[in-house]
Structure formats: C-alpha cells, structure tokens
Amino acid sequence: MKILLASNNHGKLLELQAMLAPLGLELLSQAALGLSEAEEPFQTFVENALAKARHGSALSGLPALADDAGLCVDAFGGLPGVDTAFYATRFGYAKGDDNNVKALLEQMAHLPAPSQRRAALVSTLVAVRSPADPEPLIASGRVAGEIALAPVGDNGFGFDPVMFIPEFGQTFAQLPVGVKNANSHRGKAMRQMIALMQERWL
C-alpha cells in the first residue's frame, strides 16, 4: 500500500519510512511527486497536520500521512510550538535548523538553570484515506527534557542537538538512531499510528 507523506522534510521521511516498512507500507514524499505544500494557518499541531494530510491526499489521490511537530518551551509559554520551523526568522536569521538552534540558545542565554530550560518536543500525526475522510487517524507523542547550553551530537535534525533527555543523560543527537526513534516524540506518535492503521486500515 502506498501512502503519501505530506511533508518535504527529508529527515521525517527517513524516520517514518523506517518505522512503516515492517507493515509493507511504502511512503512516498510530497517533494518526490512535485506536490505543493499545504497552508498551515492554525495554532495547534492537530489542525495543521489534518490540513496537510487532506491537501496531500487531494493532490496525490493517495492515502496521506502528515506530521506537525514542534518544540514547546515552558519559559516561553509553550512557544515556538507550531511556528518551530520558522523560529529563526523571528530574529532576523534565515529559515533552517542550525539558525533555529542558534536563535533559541540566544533567547535562552539568560536562563542558565535546568529548571528554567524545560521543554518538550511534540509530534502529532494524522492519516486520511481520502481528502474527505470523516475518520482521520490521529496520534500524538511528547518527550520532555531540557534545552542544553550548547549543541551536542551529530545524529538527528532540528532541535535534536540541544534537546537534553535526563533519563539518557544525553541529547537526542547523541543517541543511536534506533534508540532515538524508539523514544522520540515522533517515534511515540508513530507507534500509536501504526496500531491505529493495523486496527482500522490493514
């Protein structure tokens, strides 16, 4: 069964593809099919993921899976949240992972204590069989940790190098890929999504 991934994020594609492969599901990227990205006008992860899934399904004629994920920092009232991908642009930097990390560390420089640097990575996955599917599958995952004082590690993408996970004593970017995928926000959401797909679609 082919499913469209309604995202142009190559890191997400690789992570989710590896998790879906055992089900015999083939994940096709939106970028590979030359499809446009959906508008994301909403303030919650679930609304944006649903909009992306419906848009991708309408353009491709395939079932679609979309992920909306972001970083929620306690000291910032949960922001940047749904605007995580564009975080750096608020501070005069070009859009991109490295600049996002740079901007975040600058904005948190006055908060040195671990208790002041609490944050969570959140992932919401939505899957639809068609653009008008009245029963989308919805799964969410969350991992709480602290923003490190400096980037550490070479694995992963996004905020992984500064997302310190106390239970491992390392950042996500320091963990082996298999360990990260098993414990990440997206990994947790994907396990829920796989269970829902097995129950309702397969």
Foldseek 3Di string as FASTA:
>chain_A
DEAEELDPDVLVVVLLQVVCVVVVYHYDYCVVVVHDHFDQPDQAFVVSQLRSQLRSCAVPVAKYKYKQKAKQWVLVVGPPHSCQQVCLVVVPDDGFQVSSLVVVLVVCVVPPDQVRFKMKIKMKMWIAGHSVRPDIDIFMFMAIAGFANDFDAQDDTHSQRGGQHVVVRHGLRNDDPVVSLCPHGVNRRSVSVVVVCVVPPD
